Amino acid sequence: MKYASEVIDLLTTYPGTEFKMAQIVRHVTRARDLSPGKRNAVRIGVFRVLEQLRDSGQVQQSKEGATSATYAWRPELLHGIGANCHANCNNIGSRIAS
């Protein structure tokens, strides 16, 4: 899917952080000034990616109001271990902390 790598890169860099659609579109377009039609096309593409990620359980969607929603990568999915991933992860930080 178009824009999937950009959306996943943003959300996985900040797991658990809630992003509004406008923030995600701004990241995907690299804050370039686009025509309203092009920006809407990007928004639709990003929405489709977010729908697929939400349906697969990787992204959590939170409704704030009647028309706005936020999207966040579920942090427990980064390592597939769960809430105690830092104790079980084989990265340098967990070895130093031990």
Protein backbone atom coordinates (compact mmCIF):
# COMPACT_ATOMS: atom_id res chain seq x y z
CA MET A 1 0.00 0.00 0.00
CA LYS A 2 1.13 3.48 -0.76
CA TYR A 3 2.28 5.44 2.35
CA ALA A 4 2.38 2.29 4.53
CA SER A 5 6.10 2.53 5.27
CA GLU A 6 5.88 6.22 6.20
CA VAL A 7 2.90 5.66 8.51
CA ILE A 8 4.48 2.63 10.17
CA ASP A 9 7.81 4.43 10.59
CA LEU A 10 6.12 7.34 12.37
CA LEU A 11 3.89 5.27 14.63
CA THR A 12 6.54 2.71 15.63
CA THR A 13 9.07 5.43 16.41
CA TYR A 14 6.70 6.75 19.10
CA PRO A 15 4.73 3.71 20.34
CA GLY A 16 1.71 4.61 22.43
CA THR A 17 1.76 8.26 21.30
CA GLU A 18 -1.54 9.36 19.80
CA PHE A 19 -1.37 11.12 16.45
CA LYS A 20 -4.14 13.00 14.67
CA MET A 21 -4.70 12.41 10.98
CA ALA A 22 -3.32 15.86 10.11
CA GLN A 23 -0.05 15.07 11.92
CA ILE A 24 0.34 11.78 10.07
CA VAL A 25 -0.44 13.40 6.69
CA ARG A 26 2.09 16.16 7.47
CA HIS A 27 4.73 13.49 8.17
CA VAL A 28 3.93 11.53 5.00
CA THR A 29 4.05 14.65 2.80
CA ARG A 30 7.15 15.95 4.61
CA ALA A 31 5.21 19.16 5.33
CA ARG A 32 5.25 20.17 1.66
CA ASP A 33 2.68 22.68 0.48
CA LEU A 34 0.24 20.64 -1.61
CA SER A 35 -2.93 21.50 -3.44
CA PRO A 36 -6.13 20.63 -1.56
CA GLY A 37 -6.86 17.81 -4.01
CA LYS A 38 -3.43 16.22 -3.60
CA ARG A 39 -3.56 16.58 0.19
CA ASN A 40 -6.98 14.90 0.22
CA ALA A 41 -5.65 12.04 -1.92
CA VAL A 42 -2.80 11.52 0.57
CA ARG A 43 -5.27 11.64 3.46
CA ILE A 44 -7.39 8.93 1.86
CA GLY A 45 -4.32 6.77 1.29
CA VAL A 46 -3.17 7.24 4.87
CA PHE A 47 -6.67 6.43 6.13
CA ARG A 48 -6.65 3.15 4.20
CA VAL A 49 -3.30 2.20 5.72
CA LEU A 50 -4.56 3.05 9.21
CA GLU A 51 -7.73 1.00 8.65
CA GLN A 52 -5.68 -2.05 7.69
CA LEU A 53 -3.35 -1.62 10.68
CA ARG A 54 -6.32 -1.15 13.00
CA ASP A 55 -8.11 -4.20 11.63
CA SER A 56 -4.97 -6.31 12.15
CA GLY A 57 -4.70 -5.07 15.75
CA GLN A 58 -1.44 -3.17 15.36
CA VAL A 59 -2.89 0.32 15.70
CA GLN A 60 -5.29 1.55 18.32
CA GLN A 61 -7.86 4.16 17.30
CA SER A 62 -9.33 6.51 19.88
CA LYS A 63 -12.28 8.75 19.13
CA GLU A 64 -12.06 12.24 20.60
CA GLY A 65 -15.16 13.75 19.12
CA ALA A 66 -17.75 13.28 16.43
CA THR A 67 -15.26 13.84 13.61
CA SER A 68 -11.75 13.47 15.02
CA ALA A 69 -9.78 10.41 15.99
CA THR A 70 -6.25 9.66 17.11
CA TYR A 71 -4.12 6.70 16.15
CA ALA A 72 -1.36 5.05 18.16
CA TRP A 73 0.86 2.02 17.66
CA ARG A 74 0.20 -0.54 20.36
CA PRO A 75 3.49 -0.61 22.32
CA GLU A 76 3.17 -4.24 23.36
CA LEU A 77 3.48 -5.28 19.71
CA LEU A 78 6.97 -3.91 19.18
CA HIS A 79 8.69 -6.95 20.66
CA GLY A 80 5.79 -9.36 20.78
CA ILE A 81 6.54 -10.13 24.41
CA GLY A 82 4.01 -7.97 26.19
CA ALA A 83 4.15 -5.37 28.92
CA ASN A 84 7.38 -6.79 30.41
CA CYS A 85 9.37 -6.49 27.19
CA HIS A 86 12.25 -4.53 28.72
CA ALA A 87 13.12 -7.37 31.10
CA ASN A 88 12.94 -9.97 28.33
CA CYS A 89 14.37 -7.98 25.43
CA ASN A 90 17.88 -8.79 24.17
CA ASN A 91 18.97 -5.21 23.72
CA ILE A 92 21.84 -3.42 25.40
CA GLY A 93 19.62 -1.46 27.78
CA SER A 94 18.17 -4.60 29.35
CA ARG A 95 21.65 -6.08 29.81
CA ILE A 96 22.88 -2.93 31.54
CA ALA A 97 19.80 -2.79 33.78
CA SER A 98 20.27 -6.42 34.90
